[in-house]
Amino acid sequence: MMLYNRSVKSILKIQRFSWLRFFPWLCLIGFGVVACSPSISTSEPTPPSTATPTLSPPTPTSVPLAARVNGEGIPLVEFQEELERYRMAFGTELATDAQQMVLNDLIAKVLLAQAAQEAGFTVDDKMVEERLQQLETQLGGQGALEDWMAKVGYTSESLRTALKRELAATWMRNQILAQTPRQVEQVHARQILVYSAERAQAIYAELQSGKDFAELAEQFDPITYGDLGWLARGMILDPKLEEVIFSLQPGQYSQVIRTTAGYHLVQVIERQPQRALTAEAYRLYQKLTLQSWLAEQRAASQIEIFLTN
């Protein structure tokens, strides 16, 4: 069981899973997106530079674009409308990096939709109409749908276009998430965390002289005895600390490890090459799986940004 004491929080990525980074507005109305919340993650693989939406069009006669992904344009007007919806939803305080986030989201959805098409998935008019009917029911009727569209700046055509892309992107996202493993290598560990290098070295000297790690850990954490629970790769915030923990065998302890949280001494209690992830850890792994896929797609794609300062 994962224990949420101060020392655990200092090294673990225990965070609520959110698809908001990839579907900032439509997730609010339930289009196939799970676990939406207003929390904002800041871990985007390769964000474009912050920009003011002024146009540098590809050619003098082309439709003004915010970006182009593998030859597919994201119209500037679509970007501006999506940016306004985001700001309407979250206000200016939560939308400090809205421009960058919205463009990232649009690029991610285009990449997902393109991959869905390559995989043979096609969104037809019937699927779009079914989604529109669901939305109408959720909002309370045709009149409520029309009022909502007017409020957030959708025309019938632009909403259908957004839904078509969203359906394709959601289908592809689900295919990617299905590849997330449910069992991975994990270690059960405990730690001693202090905030002084001298104190940490003194504790290490005690361990070297034969002092029991668990007894020392109890002195610094009398509630959980420094127990970190079962850890999988990706759950530990500091990569150096993660590398050390996964290099240890049961009964072994580390030297002093310095991180931004303080000075750690870690002992592995037991380890399993294949252990089922908890529900929360599985959601984290799903997020990492999707982020990794998007990072690879961005690296392999031709992405042009036409927003300039």
Protein backbone atom coordinates (compact mmCIF):
# COMPACT_ATOMS: atom_id res chain seq x y z
CA MET A 1 0.00 0.00 0.00
CA MET A 2 1.33 3.44 -0.92
CA LEU A 3 1.70 5.65 2.11
CA TYR A 4 1.33 9.39 1.67
CA ASN A 5 3.66 10.77 4.31
CA ARG A 6 5.97 13.74 3.79
CA SER A 7 8.96 11.61 2.79
CA VAL A 8 6.95 9.64 0.25
CA LYS A 9 5.67 12.78 -1.39
CA SER A 10 9.20 14.10 -1.62
CA ILE A 11 10.28 11.47 -4.14
CA LEU A 12 7.16 10.05 -5.78
CA LYS A 13 5.17 11.24 -8.74
CA ILE A 14 1.83 10.58 -7.06
CA GLN A 15 -0.52 12.65 -9.16
CA ARG A 16 -4.07 12.48 -10.42
CA PHE A 17 -4.29 11.27 -14.00
CA SER A 18 -5.72 13.80 -16.43
CA TRP A 19 -6.24 13.92 -20.16
CA LEU A 20 -6.77 17.68 -19.96
CA ARG A 21 -3.42 18.36 -21.60
CA PHE A 22 -4.62 16.68 -24.76
CA PHE A 23 -8.34 17.56 -24.75
CA PRO A 24 -8.69 20.87 -22.89
CA TRP A 25 -12.24 21.84 -23.87
CA LEU A 26 -14.12 18.90 -25.30
CA CYS A 27 -13.34 16.80 -22.23
CA LEU A 28 -15.65 19.16 -20.36
CA ILE A 29 -18.58 17.86 -22.37
CA GLY A 30 -17.66 14.19 -22.29
CA PHE A 31 -16.40 13.21 -25.73
CA GLY A 32 -14.76 9.88 -25.01
CA VAL A 33 -12.18 11.32 -22.63
CA VAL A 34 -11.59 9.74 -19.21
CA ALA A 35 -10.70 11.31 -15.88
CA CYS A 36 -10.81 14.96 -16.95
CA SER A 37 -10.04 17.47 -14.22
CA PRO A 38 -9.00 21.12 -14.07
CA SER A 39 -5.51 20.23 -12.86
CA ILE A 40 -2.76 21.24 -15.24
CA SER A 41 0.28 19.04 -15.87
CA THR A 42 3.45 20.78 -16.96
CA SER A 43 5.22 17.78 -18.48
CA GLU A 44 4.83 18.26 -22.23
CA PRO A 45 7.53 16.43 -24.23
CA THR A 46 8.44 19.09 -26.76
CA PRO A 47 6.40 22.30 -26.40
CA PRO A 48 6.63 24.95 -29.07
CA SER A 49 7.93 28.35 -28.12
CA THR A 50 5.48 30.76 -26.55
CA ALA A 51 4.01 32.87 -29.30
CA THR A 52 1.47 35.58 -30.01
CA PRO A 53 -1.04 34.44 -32.66
CA THR A 54 0.01 36.68 -35.53
CA LEU A 55 0.25 35.00 -38.89
CA SER A 56 3.17 34.17 -41.11
CA PRO A 57 1.21 32.30 -43.82
CA PRO A 58 2.89 29.66 -46.00
CA THR A 59 1.83 31.54 -49.14
CA PRO A 60 0.05 34.86 -49.76
CA THR A 61 -3.13 33.09 -50.98
CA SER A 62 -3.36 30.23 -48.47
CA VAL A 63 -5.78 29.96 -45.57
CA PRO A 64 -4.06 31.51 -42.52
CA LEU A 65 -2.59 28.71 -40.42
CA ALA A 66 -1.45 28.44 -36.82
CA ALA A 67 0.51 25.28 -37.61
CA ARG A 68 0.83 22.49 -40.14
CA VAL A 69 1.33 18.84 -39.15
CA ASN A 70 2.57 16.45 -41.83
CA GLY A 71 0.97 18.67 -44.45
CA GLU A 72 -2.34 19.05 -42.59
CA GLY A 73 -3.07 22.61 -41.57
CA ILE A 74 -4.48 23.86 -38.29
CA PRO A 75 -6.30 27.06 -39.29
CA LEU A 76 -5.42 30.15 -37.33
CA VAL A 77 -9.09 30.84 -36.68
CA GLU A 78 -9.51 27.35 -35.18
CA PHE A 79 -6.55 27.94 -32.88
CA GLN A 80 -7.88 31.35 -31.81
CA GLU A 81 -11.36 29.98 -31.11
CA GLU A 82 -9.95 27.06 -29.12
CA LEU A 83 -7.74 29.44 -27.16
CA GLU A 84 -10.75 31.57 -26.27
CA ARG A 85 -12.71 28.47 -25.16
CA TYR A 86 -9.84 27.44 -22.94
CA ARG A 87 -9.69 30.87 -21.32
CA MET A 88 -13.46 30.87 -20.86
CA ALA A 89 -13.26 27.49 -19.13
CA PHE A 90 -10.35 28.18 -16.80
CA GLY A 91 -9.98 31.95 -16.59
CA THR A 92 -6.79 33.92 -16.98
CA GLU A 93 -5.09 32.64 -13.80
CA LEU A 94 -5.08 29.00 -14.93
CA ALA A 95 -4.49 29.97 -18.54
CA THR A 96 -1.08 31.60 -18.13
CA ASP A 97 0.47 29.24 -20.69
CA ALA A 98 -2.79 28.75 -22.56
CA GLN A 99 -1.40 29.60 -26.00
CA GLN A 100 1.33 27.00 -25.78
CA MET A 101 -0.92 24.40 -24.22
CA VAL A 102 -3.76 24.82 -26.71
CA LEU A 103 -1.43 24.58 -29.69
CA ASN A 104 0.18 21.47 -28.18
CA ASP A 105 -3.26 19.94 -27.69
CA LEU A 106 -4.31 20.65 -31.25
CA ILE A 107 -1.06 19.21 -32.64
CA ALA A 108 -1.47 16.12 -30.44
CA LYS A 109 -5.02 15.56 -31.66
CA VAL A 110 -3.96 15.91 -35.29
CA LEU A 111 -1.15 13.38 -34.76
CA LEU A 112 -3.55 10.96 -33.10
CA ALA A 113 -6.19 11.42 -35.79
CA GLN A 114 -3.63 10.93 -38.55
CA ALA A 115 -2.41 7.72 -36.90
CA ALA A 116 -6.00 6.50 -36.62
CA GLN A 117 -6.50 7.05 -40.33
CA GLU A 118 -3.28 5.20 -41.12
CA ALA A 119 -4.52 2.34 -38.95
CA GLY A 120 -7.69 2.12 -41.03
CA PHE A 121 -10.13 3.83 -38.65
CA THR A 122 -12.61 6.11 -40.40
CA VAL A 123 -15.06 8.51 -38.78
CA ASP A 124 -18.26 8.63 -40.82
CA ASP A 125 -21.20 11.05 -40.67
CA LYS A 126 -23.27 8.61 -38.63
CA MET A 127 -20.70 8.59 -35.83
CA VAL A 128 -20.59 12.37 -35.76
CA GLU A 129 -24.40 12.60 -35.66
CA GLU A 130 -24.49 10.14 -32.77
CA ARG A 131 -22.06 12.31 -30.84
CA LEU A 132 -24.12 15.39 -31.59
CA GLN A 133 -27.22 13.61 -30.28
CA GLN A 134 -25.36 12.66 -27.10
CA LEU A 135 -24.28 16.24 -26.62
CA GLU A 136 -27.79 17.53 -27.22
CA THR A 137 -29.13 15.12 -24.61
CA GLN A 138 -26.43 16.07 -22.10
CA LEU A 139 -27.14 19.78 -22.51
CA GLY A 140 -30.91 19.41 -22.34
CA GLY A 141 -32.23 19.67 -25.88
CA GLN A 142 -31.70 21.32 -29.23
CA GLY A 143 -32.22 24.83 -27.90
CA ALA A 144 -29.65 24.31 -25.14
CA LEU A 145 -27.19 22.94 -27.69
CA GLU A 146 -27.62 25.97 -29.92
CA ASP A 147 -27.20 28.33 -26.96
CA TRP A 148 -24.05 26.52 -25.91
CA MET A 149 -22.61 26.64 -29.43
CA ALA A 150 -23.23 30.37 -29.63
CA LYS A 151 -21.66 30.92 -26.21
CA VAL A 152 -18.43 29.06 -26.95
CA GLY A 153 -18.11 30.07 -30.59
CA TYR A 154 -19.01 26.92 -32.52
CA THR A 155 -20.86 26.88 -35.80
CA SER A 156 -22.55 23.69 -36.93
CA GLU A 157 -19.72 23.09 -39.39
CA SER A 158 -16.86 23.82 -36.98
CA LEU A 159 -18.38 21.63 -34.26
CA ARG A 160 -18.74 18.72 -36.67
CA THR A 161 -15.13 19.19 -37.78
CA ALA A 162 -13.94 19.22 -34.16
CA LEU A 163 -15.99 16.13 -33.31
CA LYS A 164 -14.68 14.22 -36.30
CA ARG A 165 -11.08 14.84 -35.28
CA GLU A 166 -11.88 14.16 -31.62
CA LEU A 167 -13.47 10.81 -32.41
CA ALA A 168 -10.47 9.70 -34.45
CA ALA A 169 -7.99 10.96 -31.85
CA THR A 170 -9.87 9.25 -29.02
CA TRP A 171 -9.96 5.95 -30.91
CA MET A 172 -6.20 6.09 -31.48
CA ARG A 173 -5.55 7.13 -27.91
CA ASN A 174 -7.42 4.05 -26.71
CA GLN A 175 -5.33 1.80 -28.96
CA ILE A 176 -2.16 3.30 -27.47
CA LEU A 177 -3.37 2.96 -23.90
CA ALA A 178 -4.27 -0.67 -24.49
CA GLN A 179 -0.53 -1.31 -24.81
CA THR A 180 0.12 -0.17 -21.23
CA PRO A 181 1.46 -3.10 -19.20
CA ARG A 182 -0.45 -4.08 -16.07
CA GLN A 183 2.51 -5.85 -14.51
CA VAL A 184 6.01 -4.38 -14.29
CA GLU A 185 9.19 -4.76 -12.25
CA GLN A 186 8.72 -3.20 -8.81
CA VAL A 187 10.71 -2.81 -5.61
CA HIS A 188 9.48 -2.40 -2.05
CA ALA A 189 11.69 0.18 -0.37
CA ARG A 190 12.10 2.33 2.70
CA GLN A 191 14.08 5.52 3.15
CA ILE A 192 15.61 7.89 5.64
CA LEU A 193 15.31 11.52 4.55
CA VAL A 194 17.18 14.33 6.29
CA TYR A 195 18.05 17.89 5.31
CA SER A 196 21.70 18.03 6.34
CA ALA A 197 24.61 16.43 4.51
CA GLU A 198 26.49 16.00 7.77
CA ARG A 199 23.53 14.26 9.43
CA ALA A 200 23.08 11.99 6.45
CA GLN A 201 26.75 10.97 6.49
CA ALA A 202 26.53 10.28 10.22
CA ILE A 203 23.56 7.98 9.64
CA TYR A 204 25.42 6.23 6.84
CA ALA A 205 28.35 5.67 9.23
CA GLU A 206 25.94 4.08 11.73
CA LEU A 207 24.65 1.74 9.04
CA GLN A 208 28.21 0.84 8.12
CA SER A 209 28.91 -0.04 11.74
CA GLY A 210 26.01 -2.49 11.77
CA LYS A 211 23.01 -0.41 12.86
CA ASP A 212 19.69 -1.77 11.58
CA PHE A 213 18.21 0.39 8.76
CA ALA A 214 14.61 -0.13 9.93
CA GLU A 215 15.42 1.00 13.47
CA LEU A 216 17.09 4.14 12.20
CA ALA A 217 14.22 4.82 9.79
CA GLU A 218 11.77 4.60 12.69
CA GLN A 219 13.59 7.40 14.48
CA PHE A 220 13.00 9.76 11.54
CA ASP A 221 9.54 8.52 10.59
CA PRO A 222 7.78 6.93 13.58
CA ILE A 223 4.50 6.60 11.66
CA THR A 224 5.52 4.61 8.58
CA TYR A 225 9.15 3.80 9.41
CA GLY A 226 10.11 5.36 6.08
CA ASP A 227 8.18 2.73 4.12
CA LEU A 228 7.73 3.87 0.50
CA GLY A 229 5.60 0.92 -0.53
CA TRP A 230 6.00 -0.77 -3.89
CA LEU A 231 7.61 1.42 -6.55
CA ALA A 232 7.64 1.04 -10.31
CA ARG A 233 9.86 2.90 -12.71
CA GLY A 234 8.43 6.30 -13.54
CA MET A 235 6.93 6.77 -10.07
CA ILE A 236 10.09 8.32 -8.61
CA LEU A 237 10.53 11.99 -9.35
CA ASP A 238 14.32 12.10 -9.35
CA PRO A 239 15.92 9.92 -12.09
CA LYS A 240 19.17 9.51 -10.13
CA LEU A 241 17.28 8.29 -7.08
CA GLU A 242 15.26 5.90 -9.22
CA GLU A 243 18.41 4.46 -10.78
CA VAL A 244 19.95 3.81 -7.37
CA ILE A 245 16.81 2.21 -5.93
CA PHE A 246 16.42 -0.19 -8.84
CA SER A 247 20.10 -1.15 -8.64
CA LEU A 248 19.71 -2.49 -5.10
CA GLN A 249 18.90 -6.04 -4.12
CA PRO A 250 16.75 -6.94 -1.07
CA GLY A 251 18.56 -6.02 2.13
CA GLN A 252 20.98 -3.63 0.43
CA TYR A 253 20.98 0.09 1.18
CA SER A 254 22.37 3.06 -0.72
CA GLN A 255 24.95 5.65 0.04
CA VAL A 256 23.72 9.21 0.65
CA ILE A 257 21.80 10.52 -2.35
CA ARG A 258 21.18 14.24 -2.68
CA THR A 259 18.02 15.49 -4.41
CA THR A 260 16.07 18.74 -4.30
CA ALA A 261 14.03 17.19 -1.45
CA GLY A 262 17.06 16.58 0.79
CA TYR A 263 19.50 13.76 1.55
CA HIS A 264 18.24 10.21 1.13
CA LEU A 265 19.38 6.80 2.28
CA VAL A 266 17.28 4.06 0.73
CA GLN A 267 16.98 0.35 1.43
CA VAL A 268 15.24 -2.21 -0.78
CA ILE A 269 13.16 -4.64 1.28
CA GLU A 270 11.98 -6.90 -1.54
CA ARG A 271 11.57 -6.82 -5.32
CA GLN A 272 9.50 -8.60 -7.93
CA PRO A 273 10.25 -8.78 -11.67
CA GLN A 274 6.53 -8.75 -12.49
CA ARG A 275 4.05 -7.22 -10.05
CA ALA A 276 0.59 -5.85 -10.79
CA LEU A 277 0.33 -2.07 -10.80
CA THR A 278 -2.10 -0.40 -8.46
CA ALA A 279 -4.98 1.45 -10.11
CA GLU A 280 -3.28 4.80 -9.57
CA ALA A 281 0.10 3.57 -10.78
CA TYR A 282 -1.59 2.08 -13.85
CA ARG A 283 -3.16 5.44 -14.69
CA LEU A 284 0.27 7.05 -14.36
CA TYR A 285 1.72 4.42 -16.69
CA GLN A 286 -1.07 5.12 -19.17
CA LYS A 287 -0.16 8.80 -19.11
CA LEU A 288 3.53 7.99 -19.62
CA THR A 289 2.65 5.62 -22.47
CA LEU A 290 0.67 8.32 -24.27
CA GLN A 291 3.29 11.00 -23.66
CA SER A 292 6.02 8.70 -24.97
CA TRP A 293 3.99 7.94 -28.10
CA LEU A 294 3.35 11.63 -28.75
CA ALA A 295 7.01 12.51 -28.23
CA GLU A 296 8.04 9.86 -30.76
CA GLN A 297 5.40 11.04 -33.24
CA ARG A 298 6.45 14.65 -32.92
CA ALA A 299 10.08 13.73 -33.48
CA ALA A 300 9.20 11.76 -36.60
CA SER A 301 6.74 14.31 -38.01
CA GLN A 302 7.08 17.51 -39.95
CA ILE A 303 5.53 20.18 -37.74
CA GLU A 304 5.57 23.81 -38.85
CA ILE A 305 4.51 26.61 -36.49
CA PHE A 306 3.29 29.86 -38.08
CA LEU A 307 2.79 31.85 -34.88
CA THR A 308 5.36 34.58 -34.40
CA ASN A 309 6.11 37.16 -31.71
